[in-house]
Amino acid sequence: MELHNQLSSLSLSRSGKRMRESSYDRTGGNKDYFSIRPGDHTEICRLQGAGAITHIWMTMASDVPVEEKYLPRKIVLRMYWDNEIEPSVEAPIGDFFGMGHGITKNYTSAALMMSPEDGKALNCFFRMPYADGARITIESEAASPIKFYFYIDYEQYDRLPDEELRFHTQWHRENPTDGIADGVDNAFFEFGGKNTTGDGNYVILDAVGKGHYIGCNFNVHNLRDTREWNWYGEGDDMIFIDGEPWPPTLHGTGMEDYFNTAWCPQQEVCTPYHGIILGGGPNWSGKISTYRYHILDPIMFDKSIKVTIEHGHNNHRSDDVSSTAYWYQAEPHRPFPDLPKVEQRLPLPDTKPFDQNSLGRIFGHSNP
């Protein structure tokens, strides 16, 4: 239905002027990128008047012979609307474009996507309106200089309608989440206890104002070392609107259920509004990346919203969890806490996956 509406509306007359800012070589040569050095805070564009960003494309690479690891976590993207001092968008660049762990991978959703080669072409189609100017900055905490390419496609208007809200993005990480001590019975660890308050849940978004939440990407590094059942999920989503008490109106049934999948999945799939970009290793080991975008079903709030999810049932698990939340709201927004420095943003090293034959014995079959 949405695609039909988009196609059927293409013939309608539109107001405004299509514009672009890009990193093209102003001399007419082929140096079509900005050179950004370690420690630089670079304003890549400043837009005047009223308008709306409609598409962003970015890519980057180390400007040294050997590509630097984890660049998507070392480069910070910020956006400011209407001459505000505090950013409305602040996130490591890879996380902003839909995937954590400091890596890129080909995937496609309705609004965010990473395209070939190897997901290094970063695209965003969220609409980002402003009434009195906008600016976008890049901060590098990389160890080496980078080449940074970009297109900022936008529409310029005489005036922005009053009902248009402002786009916001915020990154969060808990490493590790505050779980219980391991060593208890595995069935209790995975499924025991009762959560009747929502206290201690992982917080994806805590916003004040009027607007609507439009989703998140969510990343887990399974840190539990066991040969028993080691499913990282089982945590219910709990979304508290306008300060309501527990149980909230929006109370879910499990982590994979909120992300529109089922039965402890590992199969990778990308749909317009939900998906699993990374499914994890044997026994759900290693790193997982998933997303849920409420584009057709935004979650409205009049005063506040707190989007939370358990880290394991009853918050028993202690994993490395990070997320990027996206929402629209009327300004002013609650100022973001200071973004952790790069040392606190980098992913943890990968651990060796469990032996497949041992896993076969655990789950009642043997592998050839």
Protein backbone atom coordinates (compact mmCIF):
# COMPACT_ATOMS: atom_id res chain seq x y z
CA MET A 1 0.00 0.00 0.00
CA GLU A 2 2.75 2.48 0.90
CA LEU A 3 4.65 1.81 -2.34
CA HIS A 4 1.40 2.19 -4.30
CA ASN A 5 0.76 5.54 -2.63
CA GLN A 6 4.28 6.72 -3.42
CA LEU A 7 3.98 5.75 -7.07
CA SER A 8 0.48 7.14 -7.49
CA SER A 9 1.46 10.50 -5.97
CA LEU A 10 4.48 11.07 -8.23
CA SER A 11 2.35 12.89 -10.81
CA LEU A 12 1.04 15.44 -8.31
CA SER A 13 2.40 18.99 -8.48
CA ARG A 14 4.98 19.80 -5.80
CA SER A 15 6.21 23.02 -4.24
CA GLY A 16 9.82 23.76 -3.46
CA LYS A 17 13.16 23.40 -5.16
CA ARG A 18 15.37 20.31 -5.19
CA MET A 19 18.88 21.04 -3.89
CA ARG A 20 22.10 19.20 -3.01
CA GLU A 21 25.28 19.62 -1.02
CA SER A 22 28.11 17.20 -1.78
CA SER A 23 31.81 16.66 -1.37
CA TYR A 24 32.60 17.21 -5.06
CA ASP A 25 35.94 18.77 -5.99
CA ARG A 26 35.31 22.53 -6.23
CA THR A 27 38.32 22.93 -8.54
CA GLY A 28 36.81 20.63 -11.18
CA GLY A 29 39.29 17.86 -10.41
CA ASN A 30 38.70 14.37 -9.05
CA LYS A 31 39.32 14.90 -5.33
CA ASP A 32 35.64 14.41 -4.62
CA TYR A 33 35.98 13.95 -0.89
CA PHE A 34 36.70 15.92 2.26
CA SER A 35 39.95 15.12 4.03
CA ILE A 36 39.22 14.69 7.74
CA ARG A 37 42.08 14.26 10.21
CA PRO A 38 42.02 12.65 13.65
CA GLY A 39 40.39 15.03 16.11
CA ASP A 40 38.72 17.18 13.45
CA HIS A 41 35.17 18.50 13.93
CA THR A 42 34.14 19.21 10.34
CA GLU A 43 30.96 20.98 9.31
CA ILE A 44 30.13 19.29 6.02
CA CYS A 45 27.09 21.39 5.19
CA ARG A 46 25.07 24.37 6.40
CA LEU A 47 21.62 24.86 4.86
CA GLN A 48 19.72 28.15 4.94
CA GLY A 49 16.03 28.93 5.36
CA ALA A 50 13.26 26.33 5.39
CA GLY A 51 13.49 22.89 3.87
CA ALA A 52 13.79 19.15 4.43
CA ILE A 53 16.62 16.71 3.88
CA THR A 54 15.19 13.81 1.88
CA HIS A 55 18.23 11.58 1.27
CA ILE A 56 21.76 11.19 2.61
CA TRP A 57 24.52 9.10 1.01
CA MET A 58 27.91 8.78 2.66
CA THR A 59 31.00 6.63 2.40
CA MET A 60 34.49 6.83 3.85
CA ALA A 61 37.85 5.12 3.86
CA SER A 62 41.18 5.43 5.61
CA ASP A 63 43.59 7.73 3.78
CA VAL A 64 46.45 5.32 4.53
CA PRO A 65 47.46 2.05 2.81
CA VAL A 66 45.91 -0.22 5.49
CA GLU A 67 42.21 0.26 6.24
CA GLU A 68 41.59 1.14 9.88
CA LYS A 69 39.30 -1.22 11.81
CA TYR A 70 35.97 -0.13 13.29
CA LEU A 71 35.76 3.22 11.49
CA PRO A 72 31.93 3.18 11.70
CA ARG A 73 32.23 3.48 15.50
CA LYS A 74 35.06 6.04 15.43
CA ILE A 75 33.30 8.64 13.27
CA VAL A 76 30.45 10.60 14.90
CA LEU A 77 27.57 12.13 12.93
CA ARG A 78 25.65 15.10 14.36
CA MET A 79 22.75 17.18 12.97
CA TYR A 80 21.30 20.47 14.19
CA TRP A 81 17.98 22.08 13.23
CA ASP A 82 16.86 25.72 13.40
CA ASN A 83 20.05 27.17 14.87
CA GLU A 84 19.96 24.92 17.92
CA ILE A 85 23.14 24.53 19.98
CA GLU A 86 22.59 20.94 21.10
CA PRO A 87 22.35 18.28 18.36
CA SER A 88 19.10 16.53 17.54
CA VAL A 89 21.05 13.69 15.91
CA GLU A 90 24.16 12.21 17.54
CA ALA A 91 25.48 8.72 16.86
CA PRO A 92 28.48 6.82 15.56
CA ILE A 93 28.02 6.87 11.81
CA GLY A 94 27.64 3.11 11.29
CA ASP A 95 25.03 2.88 14.04
CA PHE A 96 23.12 5.81 12.56
CA PHE A 97 22.87 3.99 9.24
CA GLY A 98 21.43 0.91 10.91
CA MET A 99 24.13 -1.46 12.12
CA GLY A 100 26.39 -1.60 15.16
CA HIS A 101 29.61 -3.40 16.14
CA GLY A 102 31.76 -0.96 14.15
CA ILE A 103 31.25 -2.86 10.89
CA THR A 104 29.24 -2.61 7.68
CA LYS A 105 27.31 -5.29 5.78
CA ASN A 106 24.98 -5.19 2.79
CA TYR A 107 21.36 -4.88 3.93
CA THR A 108 18.19 -3.05 2.90
CA SER A 109 15.27 -1.57 4.82
CA ALA A 110 12.70 1.06 3.87
CA ALA A 111 14.59 4.03 5.32
CA LEU A 112 18.16 2.91 6.00
CA MET A 113 20.49 0.70 3.99
CA MET A 114 24.10 -0.28 3.50
CA SER A 115 24.93 -1.00 -0.13
CA PRO A 116 27.88 -2.55 -1.97
CA GLU A 117 30.78 -2.71 -1.73
CA ASP A 118 30.44 -4.67 1.54
CA GLY A 119 27.89 -2.23 2.93
CA LYS A 120 30.24 0.73 2.75
CA ALA A 121 27.75 2.90 0.84
CA LEU A 122 25.55 4.35 3.60
CA ASN A 123 22.05 5.59 2.70
CA CYS A 124 19.24 7.23 4.67
CA PHE A 125 15.77 8.25 3.39
CA PHE A 126 14.22 9.55 6.63
CA ARG A 127 12.68 12.99 6.09
CA MET A 128 14.41 15.69 8.16
CA PRO A 129 12.56 19.04 8.08
CA TYR A 130 13.75 22.40 9.40
CA ALA A 131 12.25 25.90 9.46
CA ASP A 132 15.34 28.06 9.85
CA GLY A 133 18.48 26.30 8.72
CA ALA A 134 20.25 23.01 9.31
CA ARG A 135 23.82 21.87 9.66
CA ILE A 136 25.63 18.53 9.72
CA THR A 137 29.01 17.84 11.31
CA ILE A 138 31.47 14.96 11.34
CA GLU A 139 33.82 14.29 14.24
CA SER A 140 36.72 11.89 13.71
CA GLU A 141 38.18 9.87 16.54
CA ALA A 142 40.02 7.64 14.09
CA ALA A 143 43.75 7.07 14.42
CA SER A 144 44.44 8.03 10.78
CA PRO A 145 43.11 10.59 8.28
CA ILE A 146 40.05 9.56 6.29
CA LYS A 147 38.52 10.35 2.92
CA PHE A 148 34.87 11.33 3.43
CA TYR A 149 32.39 11.44 0.53
CA PHE A 150 28.76 12.57 0.81
CA TYR A 151 25.56 13.73 -0.85
CA ILE A 152 22.97 15.67 1.16
CA ASP A 153 19.83 15.85 -0.98
CA TYR A 154 17.17 18.28 0.22
CA GLU A 155 14.17 20.37 -0.75
CA GLN A 156 14.06 24.13 -0.23
CA TYR A 157 10.74 25.77 0.70
CA ASP A 158 9.41 29.27 1.23
CA ARG A 159 8.01 28.13 4.57
CA LEU A 160 7.83 24.89 6.55
CA PRO A 161 4.33 23.86 7.72
CA ASP A 162 3.88 24.31 11.46
CA GLU A 163 2.85 20.67 12.01
CA GLU A 164 6.19 19.24 10.88
CA LEU A 165 8.17 17.71 13.76
CA ARG A 166 11.95 17.46 13.94
CA PHE A 167 13.92 14.28 13.34
CA HIS A 168 16.01 12.91 16.23
CA THR A 169 18.50 10.07 16.67
CA GLN A 170 20.32 8.94 19.82
CA TRP A 171 22.84 6.14 20.45
CA HIS A 172 23.12 4.19 23.68
CA ARG A 173 25.27 1.33 24.97
CA GLU A 174 25.54 -0.75 28.15
CA ASN A 175 28.64 -2.93 28.31
CA PRO A 176 27.75 -5.11 30.05
CA THR A 177 24.12 -4.89 31.07
CA ASP A 178 23.51 -5.41 34.77
CA GLY A 179 22.49 -9.08 35.01
CA ILE A 180 22.62 -11.68 37.75
CA ALA A 181 25.58 -13.87 38.67
CA ASP A 182 25.90 -16.95 36.46
CA GLY A 183 26.20 -20.40 37.99
CA VAL A 184 22.53 -20.82 38.86
CA ASP A 185 20.38 -23.47 37.21
CA ASN A 186 20.28 -22.71 33.48
CA ALA A 187 16.50 -22.97 33.27
CA PHE A 188 16.19 -20.34 36.01
CA PHE A 189 18.86 -18.17 34.38
CA GLU A 190 17.00 -18.17 31.05
CA PHE A 191 13.37 -18.27 32.17
CA GLY A 192 13.03 -17.83 35.95
CA GLY A 193 11.82 -14.96 38.09
CA LYS A 194 9.21 -12.25 37.48
CA ASN A 195 9.60 -8.67 36.30
CA THR A 196 6.67 -6.64 37.60
CA THR A 197 8.14 -3.14 37.42
CA GLY A 198 10.34 -2.75 34.35
CA ASP A 199 13.12 -1.46 36.59
CA GLY A 200 16.55 -2.39 35.25
CA ASN A 201 15.38 -2.83 31.67
CA TYR A 202 17.75 -1.69 28.92
CA VAL A 203 16.60 1.80 27.82
CA ILE A 204 16.46 2.38 24.07
CA LEU A 205 14.90 5.86 24.31
CA ASP A 206 13.88 8.21 27.12
CA ALA A 207 12.42 11.37 25.57
CA VAL A 208 10.31 14.27 26.84
CA GLY A 209 7.94 16.29 24.66
CA LYS A 210 5.34 15.53 22.00
CA GLY A 211 6.10 13.32 19.05
CA HIS A 212 6.31 9.75 17.82
CA TYR A 213 8.91 7.00 18.06
CA ILE A 214 9.77 5.41 14.72
CA GLY A 215 12.04 2.55 15.76
CA CYS A 216 15.58 1.41 16.42
CA ASN A 217 18.43 -0.82 15.48
CA PHE A 218 19.60 -3.11 18.27
CA ASN A 219 22.92 -4.88 18.68
CA VAL A 220 23.99 -7.60 21.10
CA HIS A 221 27.38 -9.19 21.75
CA ASN A 222 26.68 -12.41 23.65
CA LEU A 223 29.21 -12.42 26.51
CA ARG A 224 28.05 -15.54 28.32
CA ASP A 225 30.52 -18.44 28.12
CA THR A 226 28.54 -21.67 28.49
CA ARG A 227 27.75 -24.86 26.61
CA GLU A 228 24.22 -24.82 27.95
CA TRP A 229 21.30 -23.16 26.15
CA ASN A 230 22.62 -19.63 25.58
CA TRP A 231 19.81 -17.73 23.88
CA TYR A 232 20.47 -14.02 24.41
CA GLY A 233 16.84 -12.93 24.02
CA GLU A 234 13.68 -13.72 26.00
CA GLY A 235 13.50 -10.10 27.16
CA ASP A 236 10.11 -8.39 26.78
CA ASP A 237 9.81 -4.93 25.28
CA MET A 238 8.02 -2.44 27.55
CA ILE A 239 7.18 0.99 26.13
CA PHE A 240 5.93 3.52 28.68
CA ILE A 241 3.93 6.41 27.19
CA ASP A 242 3.33 9.72 29.02
CA GLY A 243 4.56 8.39 32.37
CA GLU A 244 2.14 5.45 32.65
CA PRO A 245 2.88 2.83 35.34
CA TRP A 246 3.77 -0.83 34.84
CA PRO A 247 2.41 -2.72 33.02
CA PRO A 248 2.59 -0.29 30.11
CA THR A 249 0.00 -0.27 27.37
CA LEU A 250 2.67 -1.59 25.00
CA HIS A 251 4.06 -4.71 26.72
CA GLY A 252 5.61 -7.38 24.50
CA THR A 253 6.31 -11.10 24.73
CA GLY A 254 10.01 -11.43 23.91
CA MET A 255 12.93 -9.75 22.22
CA GLU A 256 12.61 -11.55 18.90
CA ASP A 257 8.87 -10.86 18.92
CA TYR A 258 9.41 -7.09 19.12
CA PHE A 259 11.70 -7.36 16.10
CA ASN A 260 8.94 -9.28 14.24
CA THR A 261 10.80 -12.60 14.17
CA ALA A 262 10.18 -15.82 16.12
CA TRP A 263 11.57 -18.92 17.80
CA CYS A 264 15.07 -17.74 18.78
CA PRO A 265 16.08 -16.95 15.18
CA GLN A 266 19.52 -16.88 13.61
CA GLN A 267 18.55 -16.74 9.94
CA GLU A 268 19.45 -13.37 8.44
CA VAL A 269 16.62 -11.52 6.73
CA CYS A 270 15.98 -7.92 5.70
CA THR A 271 12.46 -6.59 5.10
CA PRO A 272 11.36 -2.94 4.75
CA TYR A 273 10.46 -2.57 8.44
CA HIS A 274 12.28 -5.30 10.39
CA GLY A 275 15.19 -7.64 9.99
CA ILE A 276 18.22 -9.51 11.29
CA ILE A 277 21.46 -8.27 9.70
CA LEU A 278 23.72 -10.47 11.83
CA GLY A 279 22.33 -13.71 13.28
CA GLY A 280 25.14 -14.74 15.61
CA GLY A 281 27.22 -17.92 15.76
CA PRO A 282 26.62 -21.41 17.19
CA ASN A 283 24.49 -21.40 20.34
CA TRP A 284 23.75 -17.71 19.62
CA SER A 285 27.38 -16.81 20.31
CA GLY A 286 29.09 -13.68 19.09
CA LYS A 287 27.47 -10.60 17.61
CA ILE A 288 23.88 -9.98 16.58
CA SER A 289 22.34 -6.98 14.82
CA THR A 290 18.61 -6.45 14.24
CA TYR A 291 16.15 -3.63 13.54
CA ARG A 292 12.50 -2.61 13.84
CA TYR A 293 11.24 0.57 12.14
CA HIS A 294 7.75 1.85 13.01
CA ILE A 295 7.26 3.60 9.69
CA LEU A 296 3.72 2.33 9.13
CA ASP A 297 2.92 2.17 12.88
CA PRO A 298 4.64 5.03 14.73
CA ILE A 299 4.19 5.18 18.51
CA MET A 300 2.76 8.56 19.50
CA PHE A 301 3.36 10.34 22.80
CA ASP A 302 2.06 13.66 24.15
CA LYS A 303 4.41 14.26 27.10
CA SER A 304 7.10 11.58 27.20
CA ILE A 305 8.13 8.12 26.07
CA LYS A 306 10.44 5.51 27.56
CA VAL A 307 11.25 2.61 25.24
CA THR A 308 12.78 -0.30 27.16
CA ILE A 309 13.49 -3.98 26.75
CA GLU A 310 14.67 -6.65 29.19
CA HIS A 311 18.21 -7.99 28.75
CA GLY A 312 17.25 -11.61 29.04
CA HIS A 313 14.12 -12.61 30.94
CA ASN A 314 13.85 -10.61 34.18
CA ASN A 315 17.10 -8.81 33.19
CA HIS A 316 19.25 -11.82 34.04
CA ARG A 317 21.81 -11.43 31.25
CA SER A 318 25.04 -9.42 31.21
CA ASP A 319 25.78 -8.79 27.52
CA ASP A 320 27.21 -5.93 25.49
CA VAL A 321 24.09 -4.17 24.18
CA SER A 322 23.87 -1.05 22.03
CA SER A 323 21.06 0.65 20.16
CA THR A 324 20.17 3.63 18.01
CA ALA A 325 16.70 5.15 18.47
CA TYR A 326 14.90 7.28 15.88
CA TRP A 327 11.96 9.57 16.57
CA TYR A 328 10.22 12.82 15.64
CA GLN A 329 9.22 15.43 18.20
CA ALA A 330 8.47 19.10 18.72
CA GLU A 331 11.41 21.08 20.03
CA PRO A 332 12.91 21.61 22.48
CA HIS A 333 14.16 18.08 23.11
CA ARG A 334 15.84 16.80 26.26
CA PRO A 335 19.62 17.35 25.89
CA PHE A 336 21.52 14.15 25.25
CA PRO A 337 24.07 12.89 27.78
CA ASP A 338 27.68 13.20 26.66
CA LEU A 339 28.53 10.64 23.99
CA PRO A 340 31.15 8.20 25.32
CA LYS A 341 34.63 8.69 23.91
CA VAL A 342 35.89 6.29 21.29
CA GLU A 343 37.53 3.93 23.80
CA GLN A 344 34.09 3.27 25.33
CA ARG A 345 32.42 2.88 21.93
CA LEU A 346 34.68 0.29 20.33
CA PRO A 347 33.30 -3.25 20.02
CA LEU A 348 34.74 -6.04 22.11
CA PRO A 349 36.96 -8.62 20.36
CA ASP A 350 35.23 -11.59 18.78
CA THR A 351 35.42 -14.83 20.76
CA LYS A 352 36.02 -18.28 19.31
CA PRO A 353 32.72 -19.97 18.39
CA PHE A 354 31.79 -23.18 20.16
CA ASP A 355 32.72 -26.48 18.53
CA GLN A 356 29.94 -27.58 16.17
CA ASN A 357 30.13 -31.27 17.14
CA SER A 358 29.81 -30.40 20.83
CA LEU A 359 26.77 -28.30 20.00
CA GLY A 360 25.31 -31.25 18.15
CA ARG A 361 25.52 -33.32 21.28
CA ILE A 362 23.87 -30.56 23.27
CA PHE A 363 20.90 -30.24 20.94
CA GLY A 364 20.41 -33.96 20.36
CA HIS A 365 22.01 -34.50 16.96
CA SER A 366 25.49 -34.84 15.55
CA ASN A 367 27.04 -32.97 12.69
CA PRO A 368 28.97 -34.81 10.00
